[in-house]
Amino acid sequence: LTDNALMLQVKAGDLSRMGLLFERYHRELFGFLYHMSHDAT
């Protein structure tokens, strides 16, 4: 499933699909935010 398809399912009420999006993006997002804050916590 594409990211958009997953998010549209989340929007429709299937909140379990957010877990797949988390798995796909949490590392990338952490890296982006760590680059700005320089603080892991």
All heavy atoms as atom14 arrays in JSON, in Angstrom:
{
  "sequence": "LTDNALMLQVKAGDLSRMGLLFERYHRELFGFLYHMSHDAT",
  "atom14_mask": [
    [1, 1, 1, 1, 1, 1, 1, 1, 0, 0, 0, 0, 0, 0],
    [1, 1, 1, 1, 1, 1, 1, 0, 0, 0, 0, 0, 0, 0],
    [1, 1, 1, 1, 1, 1, 1, 1, 0, 0, 0, 0, 0, 0],
    [1, 1, 1, 1, 1, 1, 1, 1, 0, 0, 0, 0, 0, 0],
    [1, 1, 1, 1, 1, 0, 0, 0, 0, 0, 0, 0, 0, 0],
    [1, 1, 1, 1, 1, 1, 1, 1, 0, 0, 0, 0, 0, 0],
    [1, 1, 1, 1, 1, 1, 1, 1, 0, 0, 0, 0, 0, 0],
    [1, 1, 1, 1, 1, 1, 1, 1, 0, 0, 0, 0, 0, 0],
    [1, 1, 1, 1, 1, 1, 1, 1, 1, 0, 0, 0, 0, 0],
    [1, 1, 1, 1, 1, 1, 1, 0, 0, 0, 0, 0, 0, 0],
    [1, 1, 1, 1, 1, 1, 1, 1, 1, 0, 0, 0, 0, 0],
    [1, 1, 1, 1, 1, 0, 0, 0, 0, 0, 0, 0, 0, 0],
    [1, 1, 1, 1, 0, 0, 0, 0, 0, 0, 0, 0, 0, 0],
    [1, 1, 1, 1, 1, 1, 1, 1, 0, 0, 0, 0, 0, 0],
    [1, 1, 1, 1, 1, 1, 1, 1, 0, 0, 0, 0, 0, 0],
    [1, 1, 1, 1, 1, 1, 0, 0, 0, 0, 0, 0, 0, 0],
    [1, 1, 1, 1, 1, 1, 1, 1, 1, 1, 1, 0, 0, 0],
    [1, 1, 1, 1, 1, 1, 1, 1, 0, 0, 0, 0, 0, 0],
    [1, 1, 1, 1, 0, 0, 0, 0, 0, 0, 0, 0, 0, 0],
    [1, 1, 1, 1, 1, 1, 1, 1, 0, 0, 0, 0, 0, 0],
    [1, 1, 1, 1, 1, 1, 1, 1, 0, 0, 0, 0, 0, 0],
    [1, 1, 1, 1, 1, 1, 1, 1, 1, 1, 1, 0, 0, 0],
    [1, 1, 1, 1, 1, 1, 1, 1, 1, 0, 0, 0, 0, 0],
    [1, 1, 1, 1, 1, 1, 1, 1, 1, 1, 1, 0, 0, 0],
    [1, 1, 1, 1, 1, 1, 1, 1, 1, 1, 1, 1, 0, 0],
    [1, 1, 1, 1, 1, 1, 1, 1, 1, 1, 0, 0, 0, 0],
    [1, 1, 1, 1, 1, 1, 1, 1, 1, 1, 1, 0, 0, 0],
    [1, 1, 1, 1, 1, 1, 1, 1, 1, 0, 0, 0, 0, 0],
    [1, 1, 1, 1, 1, 1, 1, 1, 0, 0, 0, 0, 0, 0],
    [1, 1, 1, 1, 1, 1, 1, 1, 1, 1, 1, 0, 0, 0],
    [1, 1, 1, 1, 0, 0, 0, 0, 0, 0, 0, 0, 0, 0],
    [1, 1, 1, 1, 1, 1, 1, 1, 1, 1, 1, 0, 0, 0],
    [1, 1, 1, 1, 1, 1, 1, 1, 0, 0, 0, 0, 0, 0],
    [1, 1, 1, 1, 1, 1, 1, 1, 1, 1, 1, 1, 0, 0],
    [1, 1, 1, 1, 1, 1, 1, 1, 1, 1, 0, 0, 0, 0],
    [1, 1, 1, 1, 1, 1, 1, 1, 0, 0, 0, 0, 0, 0],
    [1, 1, 1, 1, 1, 1, 0, 0, 0, 0, 0, 0, 0, 0],
    [1, 1, 1, 1, 1, 1, 1, 1, 1, 1, 0, 0, 0, 0],
    [1, 1, 1, 1, 1, 1, 1, 1, 0, 0, 0, 0, 0, 0],
    [1, 1, 1, 1, 1, 0, 0, 0, 0, 0, 0, 0, 0, 0],
    [1, 1, 1, 1, 1, 1, 1, 0, 0, 0, 0, 0, 0, 0]
  ],
  "atom14_positions": [
    [[0.84, -1.2, 0.0], [0.0, 0.0, 0.0], [0.87, 1.25, 0.0], [1.9, 1.31, 0.67], [-0.9, 0.02, 1.23], [-2.02, -1.01, 1.25], [-2.71, -1.01, 2.61], [-3.03, -0.72, 0.16], [0.0, 0.0, 0.0], [0.0, 0.0, 0.0], [0.0, 0.0, 0.0], [0.0, 0.0, 0.0], [0.0, 0.0, 0.0], [0.0, 0.0, 0.0]],
    [[0.44, 2.24, -0.75], [1.17, 3.5, -0.76], [0.94, 4.22, 0.57], [-0.02, 3.94, 1.29], [0.7, 4.41, -1.9], [-0.67, 4.78, -1.66], [0.84, 3.73, -3.26], [0.0, 0.0, 0.0], [0.0, 0.0, 0.0], [0.0, 0.0, 0.0], [0.0, 0.0, 0.0], [0.0, 0.0, 0.0], [0.0, 0.0, 0.0], [0.0, 0.0, 0.0]],
    [[1.8, 5.17, 0.85], [1.65, 5.98, 2.06], [0.3, 6.71, 2.04], [-0.38, 6.77, 3.06], [2.79, 6.99, 2.17], [4.15, 6.32, 2.28], [4.22, 5.16, 2.72], [5.14, 6.98, 1.91], [0.0, 0.0, 0.0], [0.0, 0.0, 0.0], [0.0, 0.0, 0.0], [0.0, 0.0, 0.0], [0.0, 0.0, 0.0], [0.0, 0.0, 0.0]],
    [[-0.06, 7.25, 0.89], [-1.33, 7.97, 0.79], [-2.5, 7.04, 1.05], [-3.45, 7.41, 1.76], [-1.47, 8.63, -0.58], [-0.71, 9.93, -0.68], [0.19, 10.21, 0.11], [-1.03, 10.72, -1.68], [0.0, 0.0, 0.0], [0.0, 0.0, 0.0], [0.0, 0.0, 0.0], [0.0, 0.0, 0.0], [0.0, 0.0, 0.0], [0.0, 0.0, 0.0]],
    [[-2.45, 5.83, 0.49], [-3.54, 4.87, 0.72], [-3.65, 4.51, 2.2], [-4.75, 4.43, 2.74], [-3.32, 3.62, -0.13], [0.0, 0.0, 0.0], [0.0, 0.0, 0.0], [0.0, 0.0, 0.0], [0.0, 0.0, 0.0], [0.0, 0.0, 0.0], [0.0, 0.0, 0.0], [0.0, 0.0, 0.0], [0.0, 0.0, 0.0], [0.0, 0.0, 0.0]],
    [[-2.51, 4.31, 2.84], [-2.52, 4.01, 4.27], [-3.12, 5.16, 5.07], [-3.96, 4.95, 5.96], [-1.11, 3.7, 4.78], [-0.52, 2.36, 4.37], [0.95, 2.29, 4.74], [-1.3, 1.21, 5.0], [0.0, 0.0, 0.0], [0.0, 0.0, 0.0], [0.0, 0.0, 0.0], [0.0, 0.0, 0.0], [0.0, 0.0, 0.0], [0.0, 0.0, 0.0]],
    [[-2.7, 6.38, 4.77], [-3.2, 7.53, 5.52], [-4.68, 7.74, 5.27], [-5.41, 8.13, 6.19], [-2.39, 8.79, 5.19], [-2.66, 9.94, 6.13], [-2.25, 9.52, 7.85], [-3.47, 10.52, 8.71], [0.0, 0.0, 0.0], [0.0, 0.0, 0.0], [0.0, 0.0, 0.0], [0.0, 0.0, 0.0], [0.0, 0.0, 0.0], [0.0, 0.0, 0.0]],
    [[-5.15, 7.48, 4.08], [-6.59, 7.58, 3.8], [-7.37, 6.54, 4.6], [-8.48, 6.81, 5.06], [-6.87, 7.46, 2.3], [-6.46, 8.68, 1.48], [-6.55, 8.36, -0.02], [-7.3, 9.91, 1.83], [0.0, 0.0, 0.0], [0.0, 0.0, 0.0], [0.0, 0.0, 0.0], [0.0, 0.0, 0.0], [0.0, 0.0, 0.0], [0.0, 0.0, 0.0]],
    [[-6.78, 5.37, 4.81], [-7.42, 4.36, 5.66], [-7.44, 4.82, 7.12], [-8.43, 4.61, 7.83], [-6.71, 3.01, 5.52], [-6.95, 2.38, 4.16], [-6.19, 1.07, 4.0], [-5.42, 0.65, 4.87], [-6.38, 0.43, 2.86], [0.0, 0.0, 0.0], [0.0, 0.0, 0.0], [0.0, 0.0, 0.0], [0.0, 0.0, 0.0], [0.0, 0.0, 0.0]],
    [[-6.35, 5.44, 7.56], [-6.32, 6.0, 8.92], [-7.42, 7.06, 9.05], [-8.18, 7.08, 10.02], [-4.94, 6.61, 9.25], [-4.98, 7.39, 10.56], [-3.87, 5.53, 9.31], [0.0, 0.0, 0.0], [0.0, 0.0, 0.0], [0.0, 0.0, 0.0], [0.0, 0.0, 0.0], [0.0, 0.0, 0.0], [0.0, 0.0, 0.0], [0.0, 0.0, 0.0]],
    [[-7.51, 7.92, 8.06], [-8.53, 8.98, 8.07], [-9.93, 8.39, 8.16], [-10.8, 8.93, 8.85], [-8.4, 9.82, 6.8], [-9.4, 10.94, 6.69], [-9.21, 11.72, 5.4], [-10.22, 12.85, 5.27], [-10.01, 13.65, 4.05], [0.0, 0.0, 0.0], [0.0, 0.0, 0.0], [0.0, 0.0, 0.0], [0.0, 0.0, 0.0], [0.0, 0.0, 0.0]],
    [[-10.14, 7.24, 7.49], [-11.45, 6.59, 7.48], [-11.73, 5.82, 8.77], [-12.82, 5.27, 8.95], [-11.54, 5.65, 6.28], [0.0, 0.0, 0.0], [0.0, 0.0, 0.0], [0.0, 0.0, 0.0], [0.0, 0.0, 0.0], [0.0, 0.0, 0.0], [0.0, 0.0, 0.0], [0.0, 0.0, 0.0], [0.0, 0.0, 0.0], [0.0, 0.0, 0.0]],
    [[-10.75, 5.78, 9.69], [-10.99, 5.15, 10.98], [-10.16, 3.91, 11.28], [-10.25, 3.37, 12.38], [0.0, 0.0, 0.0], [0.0, 0.0, 0.0], [0.0, 0.0, 0.0], [0.0, 0.0, 0.0], [0.0, 0.0, 0.0], [0.0, 0.0, 0.0], [0.0, 0.0, 0.0], [0.0, 0.0, 0.0], [0.0, 0.0, 0.0], [0.0, 0.0, 0.0]],
    [[-9.38, 3.42, 10.32], [-8.54, 2.25, 10.56], [-7.22, 2.72, 11.16], [-6.2, 2.82, 10.49], [-8.32, 1.48, 9.26], [-7.6, 0.15, 9.49], [-7.21, -0.13, 10.65], [-7.42, -0.58, 8.51], [0.0, 0.0, 0.0], [0.0, 0.0, 0.0], [0.0, 0.0, 0.0], [0.0, 0.0, 0.0], [0.0, 0.0, 0.0], [0.0, 0.0, 0.0]],
    [[-7.25, 3.01, 12.46], [-6.09, 3.59, 13.13], [-4.9, 2.64, 13.21], [-3.77, 3.09, 13.38], [-6.48, 4.08, 14.53], [-7.64, 5.09, 14.59], [-7.84, 5.57, 16.02], [-7.41, 6.26, 13.65], [0.0, 0.0, 0.0], [0.0, 0.0, 0.0], [0.0, 0.0, 0.0], [0.0, 0.0, 0.0], [0.0, 0.0, 0.0], [0.0, 0.0, 0.0]],
    [[-5.14, 1.34, 13.02], [-4.03, 0.39, 13.06], [-3.05, 0.62, 11.92], [-1.87, 0.25, 12.03], [-4.57, -1.05, 12.99], [-5.15, -1.31, 11.73], [0.0, 0.0, 0.0], [0.0, 0.0, 0.0], [0.0, 0.0, 0.0], [0.0, 0.0, 0.0], [0.0, 0.0, 0.0], [0.0, 0.0, 0.0], [0.0, 0.0, 0.0], [0.0, 0.0, 0.0]],
    [[-3.49, 1.25, 10.85], [-2.62, 1.53, 9.71], [-1.54, 2.56, 10.04], [-0.53, 2.65, 9.37], [-3.42, 2.0, 8.49], [-4.36, 0.96, 7.95], [-3.6, -0.27, 7.53], [-4.45, -1.15, 6.76], [-4.0, -2.17, 6.08], [-2.72, -2.45, 6.06], [-4.82, -2.94, 5.41], [0.0, 0.0, 0.0], [0.0, 0.0, 0.0], [0.0, 0.0, 0.0]],
    [[-1.76, 3.34, 11.09], [-0.75, 4.32, 11.49], [0.53, 3.61, 11.91], [1.62, 4.15, 11.75], [-1.28, 5.2, 12.62], [-0.34, 6.33, 12.99], [0.1, 7.44, 11.64], [-1.31, 8.51, 11.62], [0.0, 0.0, 0.0], [0.0, 0.0, 0.0], [0.0, 0.0, 0.0], [0.0, 0.0, 0.0], [0.0, 0.0, 0.0], [0.0, 0.0, 0.0]],
    [[0.43, 2.4, 12.42], [1.61, 1.62, 12.8], [2.53, 1.37, 11.62], [3.75, 1.42, 11.76], [0.0, 0.0, 0.0], [0.0, 0.0, 0.0], [0.0, 0.0, 0.0], [0.0, 0.0, 0.0], [0.0, 0.0, 0.0], [0.0, 0.0, 0.0], [0.0, 0.0, 0.0], [0.0, 0.0, 0.0], [0.0, 0.0, 0.0], [0.0, 0.0, 0.0]],
    [[1.96, 1.09, 10.46], [2.78, 0.88, 9.26], [3.48, 2.17, 8.85], [4.65, 2.16, 8.47], [1.92, 0.36, 8.11], [1.39, -1.05, 8.26], [0.39, -1.38, 7.15], [2.53, -2.05, 8.25], [0.0, 0.0, 0.0], [0.0, 0.0, 0.0], [0.0, 0.0, 0.0], [0.0, 0.0, 0.0], [0.0, 0.0, 0.0], [0.0, 0.0, 0.0]],
    [[2.76, 3.28, 8.92], [3.38, 4.57, 8.6], [4.48, 4.91, 9.6], [5.53, 5.44, 9.22], [2.32, 5.67, 8.55], [1.36, 5.57, 7.37], [0.18, 6.51, 7.56], [2.08, 5.86, 6.06], [0.0, 0.0, 0.0], [0.0, 0.0, 0.0], [0.0, 0.0, 0.0], [0.0, 0.0, 0.0], [0.0, 0.0, 0.0], [0.0, 0.0, 0.0]],
    [[4.25, 4.58, 10.87], [5.29, 4.8, 11.88], [6.53, 4.01, 11.54], [7.65, 4.53, 11.58], [4.76, 4.43, 13.27], [5.77, 4.67, 14.36], [5.91, 5.93, 14.91], [6.56, 3.64, 14.83], [6.85, 6.18, 15.91], [7.5, 3.87, 15.84], [7.64, 5.14, 16.37], [0.0, 0.0, 0.0], [0.0, 0.0, 0.0], [0.0, 0.0, 0.0]],
    [[6.35, 2.72, 11.17], [7.5, 1.87, 10.83], [8.25, 2.43, 9.62], [9.47, 2.37, 9.57], [7.06, 0.44, 10.55], [6.67, -0.32, 11.79], [7.8, -0.38, 12.81], [8.96, -0.66, 12.42], [7.54, -0.17, 14.0], [0.0, 0.0, 0.0], [0.0, 0.0, 0.0], [0.0, 0.0, 0.0], [0.0, 0.0, 0.0], [0.0, 0.0, 0.0]],
    [[7.54, 3.0, 8.68], [8.17, 3.54, 7.48], [8.9, 4.86, 7.73], [9.89, 5.15, 7.07], [7.13, 3.78, 6.38], [6.57, 2.51, 5.79], [5.56, 2.82, 4.71], [4.96, 1.58, 4.21], [4.07, 1.54, 3.24], [3.65, 2.64, 2.65], [3.56, 0.37, 2.85], [0.0, 0.0, 0.0], [0.0, 0.0, 0.0], [0.0, 0.0, 0.0]],
    [[8.43, 5.66, 8.67], [8.92, 7.04, 8.76], [9.57, 7.44, 10.08], [10.18, 8.5, 10.14], [7.78, 8.02, 8.45], [7.48, 8.06, 6.99], [6.41, 7.37, 6.47], [8.3, 8.77, 6.11], [6.15, 7.38, 5.11], [8.06, 8.78, 4.76], [6.98, 8.09, 4.26], [6.74, 8.1, 2.92], [0.0, 0.0, 0.0], [0.0, 0.0, 0.0]],
    [[9.46, 6.66, 11.14], [9.97, 7.16, 12.42], [11.48, 7.39, 12.4], [11.95, 8.36, 12.99], [9.51, 6.28, 13.59], [10.27, 5.01, 13.76], [9.98, 3.88, 13.04], [11.3, 4.7, 14.56], [10.79, 2.91, 13.41], [11.62, 3.38, 14.33], [0.0, 0.0, 0.0], [0.0, 0.0, 0.0], [0.0, 0.0, 0.0], [0.0, 0.0, 0.0]],
    [[12.24, 6.55, 11.71], [13.7, 6.74, 11.68], [14.06, 8.01, 10.89], [14.91, 8.79, 11.32], [14.39, 5.53, 11.07], [14.42, 4.33, 11.99], [15.16, 3.14, 11.35], [14.92, 1.92, 12.1], [13.93, 1.07, 11.85], [13.1, 1.29, 10.87], [13.78, 0.0, 12.59], [0.0, 0.0, 0.0], [0.0, 0.0, 0.0], [0.0, 0.0, 0.0]],
    [[13.43, 8.17, 9.74], [13.68, 9.36, 8.92], [13.32, 10.63, 9.68], [14.08, 11.6, 9.7], [12.85, 9.27, 7.64], [12.9, 10.52, 6.79], [11.93, 10.44, 5.61], [11.78, 9.36, 5.01], [11.33, 11.48, 5.3], [0.0, 0.0, 0.0], [0.0, 0.0, 0.0], [0.0, 0.0, 0.0], [0.0, 0.0, 0.0], [0.0, 0.0, 0.0]],
    [[12.16, 10.61, 10.32], [11.71, 11.78, 11.06], [12.62, 12.06, 12.25], [12.98, 13.2, 12.52], [10.26, 11.56, 11.51], [9.52, 12.73, 12.1], [9.49, 13.93, 11.15], [8.09, 12.31, 12.45], [0.0, 0.0, 0.0], [0.0, 0.0, 0.0], [0.0, 0.0, 0.0], [0.0, 0.0, 0.0], [0.0, 0.0, 0.0], [0.0, 0.0, 0.0]],
    [[13.03, 10.99, 12.96], [13.96, 11.16, 14.07], [15.26, 11.81, 13.58], [15.77, 12.74, 14.21], [14.27, 9.82, 14.74], [15.31, 9.91, 15.81], [14.97, 10.27, 17.1], [16.66, 9.67, 15.53], [15.93, 10.38, 18.09], [17.63, 9.78, 16.5], [17.26, 10.13, 17.79], [0.0, 0.0, 0.0], [0.0, 0.0, 0.0], [0.0, 0.0, 0.0]],
    [[15.8, 11.33, 12.46], [17.03, 11.89, 11.93], [16.88, 13.37, 11.6], [17.78, 14.18, 11.9], [0.0, 0.0, 0.0], [0.0, 0.0, 0.0], [0.0, 0.0, 0.0], [0.0, 0.0, 0.0], [0.0, 0.0, 0.0], [0.0, 0.0, 0.0], [0.0, 0.0, 0.0], [0.0, 0.0, 0.0], [0.0, 0.0, 0.0], [0.0, 0.0, 0.0]],
    [[15.77, 13.73, 11.0], [15.51, 15.12, 10.66], [15.44, 15.98, 11.92], [16.07, 17.05, 11.99], [14.19, 15.21, 9.88], [13.73, 16.61, 9.61], [14.31, 17.36, 8.61], [12.68, 17.16, 10.33], [13.87, 18.66, 8.34], [12.24, 18.44, 10.08], [12.83, 19.2, 9.08], [0.0, 0.0, 0.0], [0.0, 0.0, 0.0], [0.0, 0.0, 0.0]],
    [[14.72, 15.51, 12.91], [14.56, 16.27, 14.15], [15.85, 16.31, 14.96], [16.18, 17.32, 15.57], [13.4, 15.7, 14.97], [12.04, 15.82, 14.29], [11.0, 14.96, 15.01], [11.59, 17.26, 14.21], [0.0, 0.0, 0.0], [0.0, 0.0, 0.0], [0.0, 0.0, 0.0], [0.0, 0.0, 0.0], [0.0, 0.0, 0.0], [0.0, 0.0, 0.0]],
    [[16.6, 15.2, 14.94], [17.88, 15.18, 15.66], [18.87, 16.15, 15.03], [19.63, 16.82, 15.74], [18.46, 13.76, 15.68], [19.72, 13.67, 16.49], [19.66, 13.57, 17.88], [20.97, 13.69, 15.88], [20.82, 13.51, 18.64], [22.13, 13.63, 16.63], [22.04, 13.54, 18.0], [23.19, 13.48, 18.75], [0.0, 0.0, 0.0], [0.0, 0.0, 0.0]],
    [[18.84, 16.25, 13.72], [19.72, 17.2, 13.02], [19.45, 18.64, 13.48], [20.36, 19.45, 13.57], [19.51, 17.08, 11.51], [20.34, 18.01, 10.7], [21.69, 17.83, 10.52], [20.02, 19.14, 10.03], [22.17, 18.81, 9.78], [21.17, 19.62, 9.46], [0.0, 0.0, 0.0], [0.0, 0.0, 0.0], [0.0, 0.0, 0.0], [0.0, 0.0, 0.0]],
    [[18.19, 18.92, 13.82], [17.84, 20.28, 14.27], [18.1, 20.48, 15.76], [18.53, 21.55, 16.18], [16.37, 20.58, 13.97], [16.08, 20.68, 12.49], [14.45, 21.31, 12.04], [13.36, 20.62, 13.22], [0.0, 0.0, 0.0], [0.0, 0.0, 0.0], [0.0, 0.0, 0.0], [0.0, 0.0, 0.0], [0.0, 0.0, 0.0], [0.0, 0.0, 0.0]],
    [[17.85, 19.44, 16.57], [17.91, 19.62, 18.03], [19.22, 19.13, 18.65], [19.58, 19.57, 19.74], [16.75, 18.88, 18.7], [16.94, 17.47, 18.62], [0.0, 0.0, 0.0], [0.0, 0.0, 0.0], [0.0, 0.0, 0.0], [0.0, 0.0, 0.0], [0.0, 0.0, 0.0], [0.0, 0.0, 0.0], [0.0, 0.0, 0.0], [0.0, 0.0, 0.0]],
    [[19.88, 18.17, 18.02], [21.09, 17.54, 18.56], [20.84, 16.91, 19.93], [21.75, 16.82, 20.75], [22.26, 18.53, 18.63], [22.58, 19.13, 17.3], [23.22, 18.44, 16.31], [22.33, 20.36, 16.8], [23.36, 19.21, 15.26], [22.82, 20.39, 15.52], [0.0, 0.0, 0.0], [0.0, 0.0, 0.0], [0.0, 0.0, 0.0], [0.0, 0.0, 0.0]],
    [[19.61, 16.47, 20.16], [19.26, 15.85, 21.43], [18.34, 14.66, 21.14], [17.24, 14.85, 20.63], [18.57, 16.85, 22.34], [18.24, 16.26, 23.7], [19.09, 16.31, 24.59], [17.12, 15.71, 23.85], [0.0, 0.0, 0.0], [0.0, 0.0, 0.0], [0.0, 0.0, 0.0], [0.0, 0.0, 0.0], [0.0, 0.0, 0.0], [0.0, 0.0, 0.0]],
    [[18.79, 13.46, 21.48], [18.03, 12.24, 21.16], [16.69, 12.19, 21.88], [15.67, 11.84, 21.28], [18.85, 11.0, 21.5], [0.0, 0.0, 0.0], [0.0, 0.0, 0.0], [0.0, 0.0, 0.0], [0.0, 0.0, 0.0], [0.0, 0.0, 0.0], [0.0, 0.0, 0.0], [0.0, 0.0, 0.0], [0.0, 0.0, 0.0], [0.0, 0.0, 0.0]],
    [[16.67, 12.54, 23.15], [15.42, 12.47, 23.92], [14.4, 13.45, 23.36], [13.22, 13.09, 23.18], [15.69, 12.76, 25.41], [16.64, 11.8, 25.89], [14.42, 12.67, 26.22], [0.0, 0.0, 0.0], [0.0, 0.0, 0.0], [0.0, 0.0, 0.0], [0.0, 0.0, 0.0], [0.0, 0.0, 0.0], [0.0, 0.0, 0.0], [0.0, 0.0, 0.0]]
  ]
}
